[in-house]
Amino acid sequence: NLFMKDGDRLNKYTVKFNQYAALVHWDHSALRYFFRKGLAPRLKDELARFQEANTLPELRKQVADLDNRYWQRHFERMREQKSSSSSSDNKSKKKDNSSSTSKSNPTSSTSSPSSGNSSGNQSGSGKNTSGSSNSSSGNNSKKPYADKLGKDGKLTQAEHERRKKFNLCAFCGGNHKIDDCNKRKKAQEARGRAASTSKDDASSSVKEPEK
């Protein structure tokens, strides 16, 4: 018995059938019967949709046409599946690339350098402002009597008379008596040391007369 599988080509089946037919010497009616009986199920299903040929040559021609159309559709379907598969792979690769790019560049969770610099500049400017205000207040605290001094840096006549009236220190401008001024005492001590040093230097520089 000769049978054709669904994956076999009709040409291969026909060659083997002709070899057997040459050995048995049957008539065309018997050969047609066994030829149709050995066909693949897919071809028998297609023949059921049409009116079958009555003679063996016509049946062979009819089955050959069905087999050709089957394999054309088979290869067409393979190409479509291959194209669809490659398209899906490309979409998957693009999706993976976009996902990796978004992970390496998380713009939503991090601040931009410009905003960081801006905040840094703002904080820096705030520090500078506070620093300048501190220095300004420091300057004011160092010179609390600046409004009582004249252009020459000395007390004005009015301030001098006021301090004299209330027996206040006119040396440093503080609100204490002149006898209690530590700055005046230190200045007097410094002048005394300077005068003593000057006398010592003068005496050491005088040469003794030669004998």
C-alpha atoms as a PDB file:
ATOM      1  CA  ASN A   1       0.000   0.000   0.000  1.00  0.00           C
ATOM      2  CA  LEU A   2       1.233   3.477  -0.942  1.00  0.00           C
ATOM      3  CA  PHE A   3       0.115   6.470   1.125  1.00  0.00           C
ATOM      4  CA  MET A   4       1.055  10.128   0.976  1.00  0.00           C
ATOM      5  CA  LYS A   5       1.548  12.220   4.147  1.00  0.00           C
ATOM      6  CA  ASP A   6       0.390  15.823   4.545  1.00  0.00           C
ATOM      7  CA  GLY A   7       3.978  17.059   4.489  1.00  0.00           C
ATOM      8  CA  ASP A   8       4.880  15.148   1.289  1.00  0.00           C
ATOM      9  CA  ARG A   9       5.016  16.680  -2.166  1.00  0.00           C
ATOM     10  CA  LEU A  10       2.695  15.255  -4.841  1.00  0.00           C
ATOM     11  CA  ASN A  11       5.563  14.754  -7.312  1.00  0.00           C
ATOM     12  CA  LYS A  12       7.270  12.300  -4.989  1.00  0.00           C
ATOM     13  CA  TYR A  13       4.038  10.345  -4.481  1.00  0.00           C
ATOM     14  CA  THR A  14       3.312  10.276  -8.255  1.00  0.00           C
ATOM     15  CA  VAL A  15       6.757   8.876  -9.086  1.00  0.00           C
ATOM     16  CA  LYS A  16       6.348   5.991  -6.660  1.00  0.00           C
ATOM     17  CA  PHE A  17       2.764   5.359  -7.820  1.00  0.00           C
ATOM     18  CA  ASN A  18       3.913   5.078 -11.444  1.00  0.00           C
ATOM     19  CA  GLN A  19       6.552   2.558 -10.420  1.00  0.00           C
ATOM     20  CA  TYR A  20       3.939   0.360  -8.739  1.00  0.00           C
ATOM     21  CA  ALA A  21       1.434   0.805 -11.590  1.00  0.00           C
ATOM     22  CA  ALA A  22       3.984  -0.483 -14.081  1.00  0.00           C
ATOM     23  CA  LEU A  23       4.285  -3.676 -12.082  1.00  0.00           C
ATOM     24  CA  VAL A  24       0.605  -4.570 -11.577  1.00  0.00           C
ATOM     25  CA  HIS A  25      -0.808  -3.889 -15.061  1.00  0.00           C
ATOM     26  CA  TRP A  26      -4.189  -2.688 -13.746  1.00  0.00           C
ATOM     27  CA  ASP A  27      -6.735  -0.772 -15.799  1.00  0.00           C
ATOM     28  CA  HIS A  28      -7.254   3.003 -15.465  1.00  0.00           C
ATOM     29  CA  SER A  29     -10.312   2.634 -13.252  1.00  0.00           C
ATOM     30  CA  ALA A  30      -8.436   0.561 -10.653  1.00  0.00           C
ATOM     31  CA  LEU A  31      -5.378   2.777 -10.866  1.00  0.00           C
ATOM     32  CA  ARG A  32      -7.541   5.887 -10.355  1.00  0.00           C
ATOM     33  CA  TYR A  33      -9.097   4.305  -7.254  1.00  0.00           C
ATOM     34  CA  PHE A  34      -5.786   3.476  -5.604  1.00  0.00           C
ATOM     35  CA  PHE A  35      -4.246   6.809  -6.679  1.00  0.00           C
ATOM     36  CA  ARG A  36      -7.011   8.718  -4.925  1.00  0.00           C
ATOM     37  CA  LYS A  37      -6.939   6.380  -1.925  1.00  0.00           C
ATOM     38  CA  GLY A  38      -3.237   7.059  -1.285  1.00  0.00           C
ATOM     39  CA  LEU A  39      -3.496  10.878  -1.460  1.00  0.00           C
ATOM     40  CA  ALA A  40      -2.728  13.019   1.605  1.00  0.00           C
ATOM     41  CA  PRO A  41      -5.727  13.984   3.781  1.00  0.00           C
ATOM     42  CA  ARG A  42      -5.263  17.660   2.918  1.00  0.00           C
ATOM     43  CA  LEU A  43      -5.740  16.879  -0.783  1.00  0.00           C
ATOM     44  CA  LYS A  44      -8.766  14.685  -0.142  1.00  0.00           C
ATOM     45  CA  ASP A  45     -10.327  17.555   1.853  1.00  0.00           C
ATOM     46  CA  GLU A  46      -9.810  19.898  -1.079  1.00  0.00           C
ATOM     47  CA  LEU A  47     -11.236  17.367  -3.559  1.00  0.00           C
ATOM     48  CA  ALA A  48     -14.394  17.144  -1.449  1.00  0.00           C
ATOM     49  CA  ARG A  49     -15.085  20.792  -2.258  1.00  0.00           C
ATOM     50  CA  PHE A  50     -15.086  20.186  -6.031  1.00  0.00           C
ATOM     51  CA  GLN A  51     -16.411  17.658  -8.503  1.00  0.00           C
ATOM     52  CA  GLU A  52     -13.718  15.045  -8.974  1.00  0.00           C
ATOM     53  CA  ALA A  53     -12.395  14.113 -12.403  1.00  0.00           C
ATOM     54  CA  ASN A  54     -13.510  10.730 -13.674  1.00  0.00           C
ATOM     55  CA  THR A  55     -10.300   9.632 -15.421  1.00  0.00           C
ATOM     56  CA  LEU A  56      -6.850   9.098 -13.893  1.00  0.00           C
ATOM     57  CA  PRO A  57      -5.059  11.688 -16.094  1.00  0.00           C
ATOM     58  CA  GLU A  58      -7.682  14.344 -15.294  1.00  0.00           C
ATOM     59  CA  LEU A  59      -7.574  13.455 -11.572  1.00  0.00           C
ATOM     60  CA  ARG A  60      -3.807  13.760 -11.576  1.00  0.00           C
ATOM     61  CA  LYS A  61      -4.070  17.187 -13.184  1.00  0.00           C
ATOM     62  CA  GLN A  62      -6.750  18.287 -10.717  1.00  0.00           C
ATOM     63  CA  VAL A  63      -4.775  17.076  -7.692  1.00  0.00           C
ATOM     64  CA  ALA A  64      -1.551  18.659  -9.026  1.00  0.00           C
ATOM     65  CA  ASP A  65      -3.296  22.039  -9.205  1.00  0.00           C
ATOM     66  CA  LEU A  66      -4.575  21.683  -5.639  1.00  0.00           C
ATOM     67  CA  ASP A  67      -1.133  20.656  -4.398  1.00  0.00           C
ATOM     68  CA  ASN A  68       0.542  23.658  -6.059  1.00  0.00           C
ATOM     69  CA  ARG A  69      -1.964  26.061  -4.536  1.00  0.00           C
ATOM     70  CA  TYR A  70      -1.471  24.443  -1.124  1.00  0.00           C
ATOM     71  CA  TRP A  71       2.298  24.914  -1.170  1.00  0.00           C
ATOM     72  CA  GLN A  72       2.029  28.476  -2.485  1.00  0.00           C
ATOM     73  CA  ARG A  73      -0.198  29.360   0.427  1.00  0.00           C
ATOM     74  CA  HIS A  74       2.086  27.461   2.796  1.00  0.00           C
ATOM     75  CA  PHE A  75       5.188  29.483   1.825  1.00  0.00           C
ATOM     76  CA  GLU A  76       3.155  32.704   1.773  1.00  0.00           C
ATOM     77  CA  ARG A  77       2.026  32.028   5.330  1.00  0.00           C
ATOM     78  CA  MET A  78       5.625  31.359   6.410  1.00  0.00           C
ATOM     79  CA  ARG A  79       6.761  34.695   4.951  1.00  0.00           C
ATOM     80  CA  GLU A  80       3.938  36.504   6.748  1.00  0.00           C
ATOM     81  CA  GLN A  81       4.831  34.874  10.044  1.00  0.00           C
ATOM     82  CA  LYS A  82       8.501  35.717   9.575  1.00  0.00           C
ATOM     83  CA  SER A  83       7.690  39.340   8.769  1.00  0.00           C
ATOM     84  CA  SER A  84       5.362  39.606  11.756  1.00  0.00           C
ATOM     85  CA  SER A  85       7.963  38.048  14.036  1.00  0.00           C
ATOM     86  CA  SER A  86      10.714  40.436  12.902  1.00  0.00           C
ATOM     87  CA  SER A  87       8.367  43.399  13.345  1.00  0.00           C
ATOM     88  CA  SER A  88       7.541  42.294  16.885  1.00  0.00           C
ATOM     89  CA  ASP A  89      11.240  41.887  17.660  1.00  0.00           C
ATOM     90  CA  ASN A  90      11.976  45.415  16.423  1.00  0.00           C
ATOM     91  CA  LYS A  91       9.178  46.875  18.547  1.00  0.00           C
ATOM     92  CA  SER A  92      10.450  44.959  21.564  1.00  0.00           C
ATOM     93  CA  LYS A  93      14.005  46.233  21.010  1.00  0.00           C
ATOM     94  CA  LYS A  94      12.794  49.827  20.653  1.00  0.00           C
ATOM     95  CA  LYS A  95      10.773  49.465  23.839  1.00  0.00           C
ATOM     96  CA  ASP A  96      13.780  48.065  25.711  1.00  0.00           C
ATOM     97  CA  ASN A  97      16.013  50.873  24.410  1.00  0.00           C
ATOM     98  CA  SER A  98      13.539  53.565  25.429  1.00  0.00           C
ATOM     99  CA  SER A  99      13.152  51.951  28.848  1.00  0.00           C
ATOM    100  CA  SER A 100      16.928  51.833  29.433  1.00  0.00           C
ATOM    101  CA  THR A 101      17.253  55.436  28.242  1.00  0.00           C
ATOM    102  CA  SER A 102      14.604  56.669  30.662  1.00  0.00           C
ATOM    103  CA  LYS A 103      16.329  54.821  33.526  1.00  0.00           C
ATOM    104  CA  SER A 104      19.754  56.295  32.724  1.00  0.00           C
ATOM    105  CA  ASN A 105      18.268  59.818  32.382  1.00  0.00           C
ATOM    106  CA  PRO A 106      15.615  60.256  35.161  1.00  0.00           C
ATOM    107  CA  THR A 107      14.744  63.903  34.507  1.00  0.00           C
ATOM    108  CA  SER A 108      11.609  63.811  36.660  1.00  0.00           C
ATOM    109  CA  SER A 109      13.384  62.851  39.917  1.00  0.00           C
ATOM    110  CA  THR A 110      16.459  65.078  39.663  1.00  0.00           C
ATOM    111  CA  SER A 111      16.782  68.821  39.408  1.00  0.00           C
ATOM    112  CA  SER A 112      18.546  70.443  36.479  1.00  0.00           C
ATOM    113  CA  PRO A 113      22.042  71.938  36.922  1.00  0.00           C
ATOM    114  CA  SER A 114      20.674  75.383  36.190  1.00  0.00           C
ATOM    115  CA  SER A 115      18.150  75.133  39.022  1.00  0.00           C
ATOM    116  CA  GLY A 116      20.870  73.818  41.320  1.00  0.00           C
ATOM    117  CA  ASN A 117      23.157  76.666  40.375  1.00  0.00           C
ATOM    118  CA  SER A 118      20.297  79.077  40.767  1.00  0.00           C
ATOM    119  CA  SER A 119      19.514  77.831  44.253  1.00  0.00           C
ATOM    120  CA  GLY A 120      23.229  77.853  45.041  1.00  0.00           C
ATOM    121  CA  ASN A 121      23.508  81.403  43.802  1.00  0.00           C
ATOM    122  CA  GLN A 122      20.469  82.391  45.793  1.00  0.00           C
ATOM    123  CA  SER A 123      21.835  80.810  48.937  1.00  0.00           C
ATOM    124  CA  GLY A 124      25.216  82.358  48.212  1.00  0.00           C
ATOM    125  CA  SER A 125      23.667  85.751  47.659  1.00  0.00           C
ATOM    126  CA  GLY A 126      21.746  85.288  50.884  1.00  0.00           C
ATOM    127  CA  LYS A 127      25.008  84.562  52.656  1.00  0.00           C
ATOM    128  CA  ASN A 128      26.613  87.599  51.056  1.00  0.00           C
ATOM    129  CA  THR A 129      23.673  89.755  52.101  1.00  0.00           C
ATOM    130  CA  SER A 130      23.788  88.517  55.660  1.00  0.00           C
ATOM    131  CA  GLY A 131      27.560  88.868  55.644  1.00  0.00           C
ATOM    132  CA  SER A 132      27.378  92.428  54.391  1.00  0.00           C
ATOM    133  CA  SER A 133      24.700  93.266  56.950  1.00  0.00           C
ATOM    134  CA  ASN A 134      26.851  91.726  59.678  1.00  0.00           C
ATOM    135  CA  SER A 135      29.880  93.668  58.545  1.00  0.00           C
ATOM    136  CA  SER A 136      27.777  96.807  58.381  1.00  0.00           C
ATOM    137  CA  SER A 137      26.470  96.263  61.885  1.00  0.00           C
ATOM    138  CA  GLY A 138      30.004  95.419  62.988  1.00  0.00           C
ATOM    139  CA  ASN A 139      31.288  98.687  61.564  1.00  0.00           C
ATOM    140  CA  ASN A 140      28.503 100.569  63.309  1.00  0.00           C
ATOM    141  CA  SER A 141      29.293  98.862  66.611  1.00  0.00           C
ATOM    142  CA  LYS A 142      32.997  99.656  66.237  1.00  0.00           C
ATOM    143  CA  LYS A 143      32.252 103.341  65.699  1.00  0.00           C
ATOM    144  CA  PRO A 144      29.291 104.200  67.935  1.00  0.00           C
ATOM    145  CA  TYR A 145      30.417 107.829  68.228  1.00  0.00           C
ATOM    146  CA  ALA A 146      31.056 108.484  64.558  1.00  0.00           C
ATOM    147  CA  ASP A 147      28.253 111.037  64.483  1.00  0.00           C
ATOM    148  CA  LYS A 148      30.030 112.979  67.249  1.00  0.00           C
ATOM    149  CA  LEU A 149      33.316 113.290  65.333  1.00  0.00           C
ATOM    150  CA  GLY A 150      34.280 116.021  62.944  1.00  0.00           C
ATOM    151  CA  LYS A 151      35.974 115.648  59.558  1.00  0.00           C
ATOM    152  CA  ASP A 152      39.391 115.687  61.291  1.00  0.00           C
ATOM    153  CA  GLY A 153      38.396 112.640  63.333  1.00  0.00           C
ATOM    154  CA  LYS A 154      38.253 114.583  66.597  1.00  0.00           C
ATOM    155  CA  LEU A 155      35.256 115.356  68.777  1.00  0.00           C
ATOM    156  CA  THR A 156      33.161 118.272  67.671  1.00  0.00           C
ATOM    157  CA  GLN A 157      33.219 121.396  69.790  1.00  0.00           C
ATOM    158  CA  ALA A 158      29.660 120.792  70.990  1.00  0.00           C
ATOM    159  CA  GLU A 159      30.417 117.192  71.982  1.00  0.00           C
ATOM    160  CA  HIS A 160      33.651 118.266  73.668  1.00  0.00           C
ATOM    161  CA  GLU A 161      31.784 120.834  75.772  1.00  0.00           C
ATOM    162  CA  ARG A 162      29.050 118.328  76.633  1.00  0.00           C
ATOM    163  CA  ARG A 163      31.577 115.794  77.882  1.00  0.00           C
ATOM    164  CA  LYS A 164      33.415 118.436  79.833  1.00  0.00           C
ATOM    165  CA  LYS A 165      30.115 119.499  81.452  1.00  0.00           C
ATOM    166  CA  PHE A 166      29.230 115.944  82.536  1.00  0.00           C
ATOM    167  CA  ASN A 167      32.870 115.003  83.308  1.00  0.00           C
ATOM    168  CA  LEU A 168      32.871 112.297  80.603  1.00  0.00           C
ATOM    169  CA  CYS A 169      35.910 110.924  78.786  1.00  0.00           C
ATOM    170  CA  ALA A 170      36.868 112.954  75.760  1.00  0.00           C
ATOM    171  CA  PHE A 171      39.805 110.686  74.895  1.00  0.00           C
ATOM    172  CA  CYS A 172      37.989 107.680  73.480  1.00  0.00           C
ATOM    173  CA  GLY A 173      34.406 108.974  73.463  1.00  0.00           C
ATOM    174  CA  GLY A 174      33.125 106.456  76.001  1.00  0.00           C
ATOM    175  CA  ASN A 175      30.500 107.116  78.657  1.00  0.00           C
ATOM    176  CA  HIS A 176      32.976 107.024  81.533  1.00  0.00           C
ATOM    177  CA  LYS A 177      35.191 109.514  83.327  1.00  0.00           C
ATOM    178  CA  ILE A 178      38.520 110.367  81.817  1.00  0.00           C
ATOM    179  CA  ASP A 179      40.389 109.055  84.891  1.00  0.00           C
ATOM    180  CA  ASP A 180      38.750 105.647  84.335  1.00  0.00           C
ATOM    181  CA  CYS A 181      39.690 105.419  80.624  1.00  0.00           C
ATOM    182  CA  ASN A 182      41.769 102.316  80.038  1.00  0.00           C
ATOM    183  CA  LYS A 183      42.702 103.408  76.530  1.00  0.00           C
ATOM    184  CA  ARG A 184      44.098 106.693  77.859  1.00  0.00           C
ATOM    185  CA  LYS A 185      46.130 104.848  80.500  1.00  0.00           C
ATOM    186  CA  LYS A 186      47.549 102.442  77.903  1.00  0.00           C
ATOM    187  CA  ALA A 187      48.409 105.324  75.603  1.00  0.00           C
ATOM    188  CA  GLN A 188      50.223 107.127  78.427  1.00  0.00           C
ATOM    189  CA  GLU A 189      52.143 103.968  79.317  1.00  0.00           C
ATOM    190  CA  ALA A 190      53.108 103.472  75.670  1.00  0.00           C
ATOM    191  CA  ARG A 191      54.336 107.064  75.417  1.00  0.00           C
ATOM    192  CA  GLY A 192      56.307 106.617  78.626  1.00  0.00           C
ATOM    193  CA  ARG A 193      58.023 103.477  77.316  1.00  0.00           C
ATOM    194  CA  ALA A 194      58.746 105.185  74.029  1.00  0.00           C
ATOM    195  CA  ALA A 195      60.270 108.182  75.809  1.00  0.00           C
ATOM    196  CA  SER A 196      62.404 105.926  78.015  1.00  0.00           C
ATOM    197  CA  THR A 197      63.627 103.956  75.018  1.00  0.00           C
ATOM    198  CA  SER A 198      64.455 107.169  73.185  1.00  0.00           C
ATOM    199  CA  LYS A 199      66.551 108.434  76.126  1.00  0.00           C
ATOM    200  CA  ASP A 200      68.439 105.144  76.363  1.00  0.00           C
ATOM    201  CA  ASP A 201      69.214 105.217  72.659  1.00  0.00           C
ATOM    202  CA  ALA A 202      70.390 108.815  72.891  1.00  0.00           C
ATOM    203  CA  SER A 203      72.695 108.108  75.829  1.00  0.00           C
ATOM    204  CA  SER A 204      74.209 105.059  74.162  1.00  0.00           C
ATOM    205  CA  SER A 205      74.919 106.998  71.006  1.00  0.00           C
ATOM    206  CA  VAL A 206      77.059 109.651  72.822  1.00  0.00           C
ATOM    207  CA  LYS A 207      80.770 108.766  72.544  1.00  0.00           C
ATOM    208  CA  GLU A 208      83.200 109.239  75.416  1.00  0.00           C
ATOM    209  CA  PRO A 209      85.853 111.944  74.806  1.00  0.00           C
ATOM    210  CA  GLU A 210      89.268 110.626  73.862  1.00  0.00           C
ATOM    211  CA  LYS A 211      92.026 110.977  76.490  1.00  0.00           C
END
